[in-house]
């Protein structure tokens, strides 16, 4: 019998982790369309940009964690501190650029950026519904 799992996880986890970025983009695109009709094209664009940044952030986080967890503990802590610090600085820089140049669109960007929350909630409910028994 062939094992379809990778060395660091089970196939269901891998499937979900590959599906989440597409779902974030899909949800942010849907939100952008609705916002465009309710408000204007600029707000819709920033919702889509926020969702795209959130997607790229998730992909980067997933890849970084996969690589860092395979390293020696001391090197992993040092590398992860540097990478996650850089990630935080880049996210803050993006928010500051939008606040400085497009202050009236920051809510739209934040809504798109937050689309990951809805996707993760949906995935959690989906996985929990597949469980046959609840553990205490």
N, C-alpha and C. Protein backbone atom coordinates (compact mmCIF):
# COMPACT_ATOMS: atom_id res chain seq x y z
N UNK A 1 0.84 -1.18 0.00
CA UNK A 1 0.00 0.00 0.00
C UNK A 1 0.88 1.24 0.00
N UNK A 2 0.60 2.18 -0.89
CA UNK A 2 1.42 3.36 -1.04
C UNK A 2 0.94 4.45 -0.09
N UNK A 3 1.88 5.14 0.52
CA UNK A 3 1.56 6.21 1.45
C UNK A 3 1.63 7.53 0.71
N UNK A 4 0.51 8.26 0.65
CA UNK A 4 0.45 9.52 -0.08
C UNK A 4 0.80 10.72 0.78
N UNK A 5 1.21 10.48 2.02
CA UNK A 5 1.53 11.61 2.89
C UNK A 5 2.93 12.10 2.64
N UNK A 6 3.12 13.38 2.86
CA UNK A 6 4.46 13.94 2.80
C UNK A 6 5.11 13.71 4.16
N UNK A 7 6.38 14.02 4.26
CA UNK A 7 7.11 13.73 5.48
C UNK A 7 6.65 14.58 6.67
N UNK A 8 5.93 15.67 6.44
CA UNK A 8 5.58 16.55 7.55
C UNK A 8 4.08 16.70 7.80
N UNK A 9 3.23 15.87 7.24
CA UNK A 9 1.81 16.03 7.52
C UNK A 9 0.97 14.99 6.84
N UNK A 10 -0.32 15.00 7.19
CA UNK A 10 -1.21 14.05 6.54
C UNK A 10 -1.84 14.67 5.30
N UNK A 11 -2.41 13.82 4.43
CA UNK A 11 -2.91 14.35 3.14
C UNK A 11 -4.04 15.36 3.30
N UNK A 12 -4.89 15.20 4.32
CA UNK A 12 -5.99 16.15 4.52
C UNK A 12 -5.44 17.54 4.85
N UNK A 13 -4.44 17.60 5.74
CA UNK A 13 -3.83 18.89 6.08
C UNK A 13 -3.21 19.54 4.85
N UNK A 14 -2.47 18.76 4.09
CA UNK A 14 -1.82 19.30 2.89
C UNK A 14 -2.86 19.82 1.91
N UNK A 15 -3.95 19.10 1.75
CA UNK A 15 -5.02 19.51 0.84
C UNK A 15 -5.64 20.83 1.29
N UNK A 16 -5.89 20.94 2.59
CA UNK A 16 -6.49 22.15 3.13
C UNK A 16 -5.53 23.33 3.00
N UNK A 17 -4.25 23.11 3.32
CA UNK A 17 -3.27 24.19 3.24
C UNK A 17 -3.06 24.68 1.81
N UNK A 18 -3.26 23.83 0.84
CA UNK A 18 -3.16 24.25 -0.56
C UNK A 18 -4.43 24.95 -1.02
N UNK A 19 -5.56 24.61 -0.40
CA UNK A 19 -6.85 25.18 -0.80
C UNK A 19 -7.09 26.57 -0.19
N UNK A 20 -6.54 26.82 0.98
CA UNK A 20 -6.81 28.08 1.68
C UNK A 20 -6.45 29.32 0.87
N UNK A 21 -5.27 29.40 0.23
CA UNK A 21 -4.98 30.61 -0.55
C UNK A 21 -6.00 30.89 -1.66
N UNK A 22 -6.46 29.84 -2.34
CA UNK A 22 -7.48 30.03 -3.38
C UNK A 22 -8.79 30.53 -2.77
N UNK A 23 -9.13 30.01 -1.60
CA UNK A 23 -10.37 30.44 -0.94
C UNK A 23 -10.28 31.89 -0.48
N UNK A 24 -9.11 32.29 0.00
CA UNK A 24 -8.94 33.70 0.42
C UNK A 24 -9.12 34.62 -0.78
N UNK A 25 -8.47 34.28 -1.89
CA UNK A 25 -8.62 35.10 -3.09
C UNK A 25 -10.06 35.10 -3.59
N UNK A 26 -10.70 33.95 -3.57
CA UNK A 26 -12.09 33.86 -4.02
C UNK A 26 -13.02 34.71 -3.16
N UNK A 27 -12.86 34.61 -1.84
CA UNK A 27 -13.71 35.39 -0.94
C UNK A 27 -13.44 36.88 -1.10
N UNK A 28 -12.17 37.26 -1.22
CA UNK A 28 -11.87 38.69 -1.38
C UNK A 28 -12.37 39.21 -2.73
N UNK A 29 -12.33 38.38 -3.76
CA UNK A 29 -12.88 38.78 -5.05
C UNK A 29 -14.39 38.98 -4.96
N UNK A 30 -15.07 38.06 -4.30
CA UNK A 30 -16.52 38.19 -4.10
C UNK A 30 -16.83 39.46 -3.29
N UNK A 31 -16.06 39.68 -2.23
CA UNK A 31 -16.25 40.89 -1.43
C UNK A 31 -15.98 42.14 -2.25
N UNK A 32 -14.95 42.10 -3.10
CA UNK A 32 -14.61 43.25 -3.93
C UNK A 32 -15.72 43.59 -4.91
N UNK A 33 -16.33 42.57 -5.48
CA UNK A 33 -17.45 42.80 -6.42
C UNK A 33 -18.62 43.46 -5.70
N UNK A 34 -18.95 42.93 -4.53
CA UNK A 34 -20.06 43.50 -3.76
C UNK A 34 -19.75 44.94 -3.36
N UNK A 35 -18.54 45.18 -2.86
CA UNK A 35 -18.14 46.53 -2.43
C UNK A 35 -18.13 47.49 -3.62
N UNK A 36 -17.70 47.03 -4.78
CA UNK A 36 -17.70 47.88 -5.97
C UNK A 36 -19.11 48.35 -6.30
N UNK A 37 -20.08 47.44 -6.23
CA UNK A 37 -21.46 47.84 -6.53
C UNK A 37 -22.06 48.71 -5.43
N UNK A 38 -21.69 48.47 -4.17
CA UNK A 38 -22.25 49.25 -3.07
C UNK A 38 -21.59 50.62 -2.92
N UNK A 39 -20.28 50.70 -3.18
CA UNK A 39 -19.56 51.95 -2.96
C UNK A 39 -18.95 52.47 -4.26
N UNK A 40 -17.73 52.05 -4.55
CA UNK A 40 -17.08 52.49 -5.79
C UNK A 40 -15.98 51.50 -6.16
N UNK A 41 -15.44 51.70 -7.35
CA UNK A 41 -14.43 50.77 -7.85
C UNK A 41 -13.12 50.83 -7.05
N UNK A 42 -12.80 51.99 -6.52
CA UNK A 42 -11.59 52.13 -5.70
C UNK A 42 -11.66 51.29 -4.44
N UNK A 43 -12.81 51.32 -3.77
CA UNK A 43 -12.98 50.52 -2.56
C UNK A 43 -12.92 49.03 -2.89
N UNK A 44 -13.55 48.64 -3.99
CA UNK A 44 -13.49 47.24 -4.42
C UNK A 44 -12.08 46.80 -4.74
N UNK A 45 -11.32 47.68 -5.38
CA UNK A 45 -9.93 47.38 -5.70
C UNK A 45 -9.11 47.15 -4.43
N UNK A 46 -9.30 47.99 -3.42
CA UNK A 46 -8.54 47.84 -2.19
C UNK A 46 -8.96 46.61 -1.38
N UNK A 47 -10.20 46.20 -1.49
CA UNK A 47 -10.60 44.93 -0.87
C UNK A 47 -9.85 43.79 -1.54
N UNK A 48 -9.78 43.83 -2.86
CA UNK A 48 -9.05 42.78 -3.60
C UNK A 48 -7.55 42.82 -3.30
N UNK A 49 -6.98 44.00 -3.20
CA UNK A 49 -5.56 44.12 -2.85
C UNK A 49 -5.31 43.57 -1.44
N UNK A 50 -6.20 43.88 -0.51
CA UNK A 50 -6.06 43.35 0.85
C UNK A 50 -6.12 41.83 0.87
N UNK A 51 -7.03 41.25 0.11
CA UNK A 51 -7.13 39.79 0.02
C UNK A 51 -5.89 39.18 -0.62
N UNK A 52 -5.34 39.86 -1.62
CA UNK A 52 -4.13 39.37 -2.28
C UNK A 52 -2.94 39.40 -1.32
N UNK A 53 -2.81 40.48 -0.57
CA UNK A 53 -1.73 40.58 0.42
C UNK A 53 -1.90 39.50 1.49
N UNK A 54 -3.13 39.27 1.91
CA UNK A 54 -3.40 38.23 2.90
C UNK A 54 -3.03 36.85 2.35
N UNK A 55 -3.33 36.60 1.10
CA UNK A 55 -2.99 35.33 0.46
C UNK A 55 -1.49 35.14 0.40
N UNK A 56 -0.78 36.16 -0.06
CA UNK A 56 0.68 36.08 -0.14
C UNK A 56 1.29 35.89 1.25
N UNK A 57 0.72 36.56 2.23
CA UNK A 57 1.19 36.43 3.61
C UNK A 57 1.00 34.98 4.10
N UNK A 58 -0.15 34.39 3.81
CA UNK A 58 -0.41 33.01 4.23
C UNK A 58 0.56 32.04 3.55
N UNK A 59 0.77 32.22 2.25
CA UNK A 59 1.69 31.34 1.51
C UNK A 59 3.10 31.46 2.08
N UNK A 60 3.54 32.68 2.32
CA UNK A 60 4.88 32.90 2.87
C UNK A 60 5.01 32.28 4.25
N UNK A 61 4.00 32.46 5.09
CA UNK A 61 4.01 31.89 6.44
C UNK A 61 4.06 30.37 6.38
N UNK A 62 3.27 29.77 5.52
CA UNK A 62 3.22 28.31 5.39
C UNK A 62 4.58 27.77 4.92
N UNK A 63 5.16 28.38 3.92
CA UNK A 63 6.46 27.92 3.42
C UNK A 63 7.56 28.11 4.45
N UNK A 64 7.54 29.23 5.14
CA UNK A 64 8.57 29.51 6.14
C UNK A 64 8.48 28.51 7.29
N UNK A 65 7.28 28.26 7.78
CA UNK A 65 7.12 27.31 8.87
C UNK A 65 7.56 25.91 8.46
N UNK A 66 7.24 25.52 7.25
CA UNK A 66 7.66 24.19 6.77
C UNK A 66 9.17 24.07 6.76
N UNK A 67 9.86 25.11 6.33
CA UNK A 67 11.32 25.07 6.26
C UNK A 67 11.95 25.17 7.64
N UNK A 68 11.42 26.05 8.47
CA UNK A 68 12.00 26.29 9.79
C UNK A 68 11.85 25.06 10.69
N UNK A 69 10.73 24.39 10.61
CA UNK A 69 10.49 23.24 11.48
C UNK A 69 11.38 22.05 11.16
N UNK A 70 11.99 22.04 9.99
CA UNK A 70 12.88 20.95 9.63
C UNK A 70 14.31 21.19 10.11
N UNK A 71 14.61 22.36 10.63
CA UNK A 71 15.96 22.71 11.06
C UNK A 71 16.20 22.33 12.52
N UNK A 72 17.44 22.45 12.90
CA UNK A 72 17.85 22.26 14.28
C UNK A 72 17.19 23.34 15.14
N UNK A 73 16.86 23.01 16.39
CA UNK A 73 16.09 23.91 17.24
C UNK A 73 16.72 25.30 17.39
N UNK A 74 18.00 25.38 17.67
CA UNK A 74 18.65 26.67 17.89
C UNK A 74 18.62 27.52 16.61
N UNK A 75 18.93 26.90 15.47
CA UNK A 75 18.90 27.63 14.20
C UNK A 75 17.48 28.01 13.83
N UNK A 76 16.52 27.14 14.13
CA UNK A 76 15.12 27.41 13.81
C UNK A 76 14.62 28.62 14.57
N UNK A 77 14.97 28.75 15.84
CA UNK A 77 14.52 29.89 16.63
C UNK A 77 15.10 31.20 16.10
N UNK A 78 16.37 31.19 15.77
CA UNK A 78 17.02 32.39 15.25
C UNK A 78 16.42 32.78 13.90
N UNK A 79 16.31 31.81 13.00
CA UNK A 79 15.76 32.08 11.66
C UNK A 79 14.32 32.55 11.74
N UNK A 80 13.51 31.86 12.55
CA UNK A 80 12.09 32.23 12.63
C UNK A 80 11.92 33.62 13.22
N UNK A 81 12.75 34.00 14.19
CA UNK A 81 12.67 35.35 14.75
C UNK A 81 12.95 36.41 13.70
N UNK A 82 13.96 36.17 12.89
CA UNK A 82 14.31 37.13 11.84
C UNK A 82 13.21 37.20 10.77
N UNK A 83 12.77 36.04 10.31
CA UNK A 83 11.77 36.00 9.24
C UNK A 83 10.44 36.60 9.69
N UNK A 84 9.98 36.26 10.90
CA UNK A 84 8.70 36.77 11.35
C UNK A 84 8.78 38.25 11.70
N UNK A 85 9.94 38.71 12.15
CA UNK A 85 10.13 40.14 12.36
C UNK A 85 10.06 40.90 11.04
N UNK A 86 10.73 40.36 10.02
CA UNK A 86 10.69 40.97 8.69
C UNK A 86 9.26 40.98 8.13
N UNK A 87 8.55 39.89 8.34
CA UNK A 87 7.17 39.79 7.88
C UNK A 87 6.30 40.86 8.54
N UNK A 88 6.46 41.03 9.84
CA UNK A 88 5.68 42.03 10.56
C UNK A 88 6.00 43.44 10.06
N UNK A 89 7.28 43.72 9.83
CA UNK A 89 7.68 45.03 9.32
C UNK A 89 7.07 45.28 7.94
N UNK A 90 7.08 44.27 7.07
CA UNK A 90 6.49 44.44 5.74
C UNK A 90 4.99 44.68 5.80
N UNK A 91 4.29 43.96 6.65
CA UNK A 91 2.84 44.16 6.79
C UNK A 91 2.55 45.56 7.31
N UNK A 92 3.29 45.98 8.32
CA UNK A 92 3.10 47.33 8.85
C UNK A 92 3.43 48.39 7.81
N UNK A 93 4.47 48.16 7.00
CA UNK A 93 4.82 49.10 5.94
C UNK A 93 3.69 49.23 4.93
N UNK A 94 3.09 48.12 4.56
CA UNK A 94 1.97 48.16 3.61
C UNK A 94 0.80 48.95 4.19
N UNK A 95 0.48 48.68 5.47
CA UNK A 95 -0.62 49.42 6.11
C UNK A 95 -0.29 50.92 6.18
N UNK A 96 0.94 51.27 6.54
CA UNK A 96 1.30 52.68 6.62
C UNK A 96 1.25 53.37 5.26
N UNK A 97 1.68 52.68 4.21
CA UNK A 97 1.61 53.26 2.87
C UNK A 97 0.16 53.53 2.49
N UNK A 98 -0.71 52.58 2.78
CA UNK A 98 -2.12 52.77 2.44
C UNK A 98 -2.73 53.87 3.31
N UNK A 99 -2.38 53.91 4.59
CA UNK A 99 -2.90 54.97 5.45
C UNK A 99 -2.41 56.34 4.97
N UNK A 100 -1.14 56.43 4.60
CA UNK A 100 -0.56 57.71 4.20
C UNK A 100 -1.11 58.20 2.86
N UNK A 101 -1.19 57.31 1.87
CA UNK A 101 -1.60 57.73 0.53
C UNK A 101 -3.09 57.55 0.24
N UNK A 102 -3.71 56.58 0.87
CA UNK A 102 -5.12 56.27 0.58
C UNK A 102 -5.89 56.10 1.88
N UNK A 103 -5.85 57.08 2.73
CA UNK A 103 -6.45 56.95 4.07
C UNK A 103 -7.94 56.66 4.04
N UNK A 104 -8.62 57.07 3.00
CA UNK A 104 -10.06 56.80 2.93
C UNK A 104 -10.37 55.38 2.46
N UNK A 105 -9.35 54.61 2.10
CA UNK A 105 -9.58 53.23 1.63
C UNK A 105 -9.01 52.19 2.59
N UNK A 106 -8.53 52.61 3.76
CA UNK A 106 -7.90 51.66 4.69
C UNK A 106 -8.89 50.62 5.19
N UNK A 107 -10.14 51.00 5.39
CA UNK A 107 -11.15 50.04 5.85
C UNK A 107 -11.39 48.98 4.79
N UNK A 108 -11.42 49.38 3.53
CA UNK A 108 -11.60 48.40 2.44
C UNK A 108 -10.42 47.44 2.39
N UNK A 109 -9.20 47.97 2.51
CA UNK A 109 -8.02 47.11 2.51
C UNK A 109 -8.05 46.14 3.70
N UNK A 110 -8.38 46.66 4.87
CA UNK A 110 -8.44 45.82 6.07
C UNK A 110 -9.51 44.73 5.94
N UNK A 111 -10.62 45.07 5.30
CA UNK A 111 -11.67 44.06 5.09
C UNK A 111 -11.16 42.93 4.19
N UNK A 112 -10.48 43.29 3.13
CA UNK A 112 -9.91 42.27 2.25
C UNK A 112 -8.83 41.47 2.94
N UNK A 113 -7.97 42.16 3.70
CA UNK A 113 -6.90 41.50 4.43
C UNK A 113 -7.46 40.53 5.47
N UNK A 114 -8.62 40.86 6.02
CA UNK A 114 -9.25 40.03 7.04
C UNK A 114 -10.05 38.88 6.47
N UNK A 115 -10.13 38.75 5.16
CA UNK A 115 -10.90 37.65 4.58
C UNK A 115 -10.34 36.30 4.99
N UNK A 116 -9.10 36.24 5.40
CA UNK A 116 -8.50 34.99 5.87
C UNK A 116 -9.25 34.46 7.10
N UNK A 117 -9.79 35.35 7.91
CA UNK A 117 -10.50 34.92 9.12
C UNK A 117 -11.73 34.11 8.74
N UNK A 118 -12.50 34.59 7.78
CA UNK A 118 -13.68 33.85 7.33
C UNK A 118 -13.32 32.51 6.73
N UNK A 119 -12.24 32.48 5.96
CA UNK A 119 -11.80 31.23 5.32
C UNK A 119 -11.35 30.22 6.38
N UNK A 120 -10.55 30.67 7.35
CA UNK A 120 -10.09 29.76 8.40
C UNK A 120 -11.24 29.26 9.26
N UNK A 121 -12.21 30.12 9.53
CA UNK A 121 -13.39 29.71 10.28
C UNK A 121 -14.18 28.65 9.51
N UNK A 122 -14.36 28.88 8.21
CA UNK A 122 -15.05 27.91 7.36
C UNK A 122 -14.33 26.57 7.36
N UNK A 123 -13.00 26.59 7.21
CA UNK A 123 -12.22 25.35 7.20
C UNK A 123 -12.30 24.63 8.54
N UNK A 124 -12.27 25.39 9.64
CA UNK A 124 -12.36 24.77 10.96
C UNK A 124 -13.71 24.09 11.15
N UNK A 125 -14.77 24.75 10.76
CA UNK A 125 -16.11 24.16 10.88
C UNK A 125 -16.23 22.93 10.00
N UNK A 126 -15.67 22.99 8.81
CA UNK A 126 -15.71 21.84 7.89
C UNK A 126 -14.99 20.64 8.49
N UNK A 127 -13.80 20.86 9.03
CA UNK A 127 -13.03 19.76 9.62
C UNK A 127 -13.75 19.22 10.85
N UNK A 128 -14.27 20.10 11.68
CA UNK A 128 -14.98 19.65 12.88
C UNK A 128 -16.23 18.86 12.54
N UNK A 129 -16.89 19.21 11.46
CA UNK A 129 -18.10 18.48 11.07
C UNK A 129 -17.78 17.07 10.57
N UNK A 130 -16.54 16.84 10.14
CA UNK A 130 -16.13 15.52 9.68
C UNK A 130 -15.78 14.57 10.83
N UNK A 131 -15.54 15.13 12.01
CA UNK A 131 -15.21 14.29 13.14
C UNK A 131 -16.43 13.47 13.55
N UNK A 132 -16.21 12.20 13.80
CA UNK A 132 -17.34 11.34 14.17
C UNK A 132 -17.59 11.38 15.66
N UNK A 133 -16.56 11.61 16.45
CA UNK A 133 -16.74 11.67 17.90
C UNK A 133 -16.10 12.93 18.42
N UNK A 134 -16.69 13.48 19.44
CA UNK A 134 -16.15 14.66 20.11
C UNK A 134 -15.38 14.19 21.32
N UNK A 135 -14.20 14.74 21.51
CA UNK A 135 -13.39 14.36 22.66
C UNK A 135 -13.49 15.45 23.71
N UNK A 136 -13.50 15.02 24.97
CA UNK A 136 -13.56 15.97 26.08
C UNK A 136 -12.19 16.28 26.60
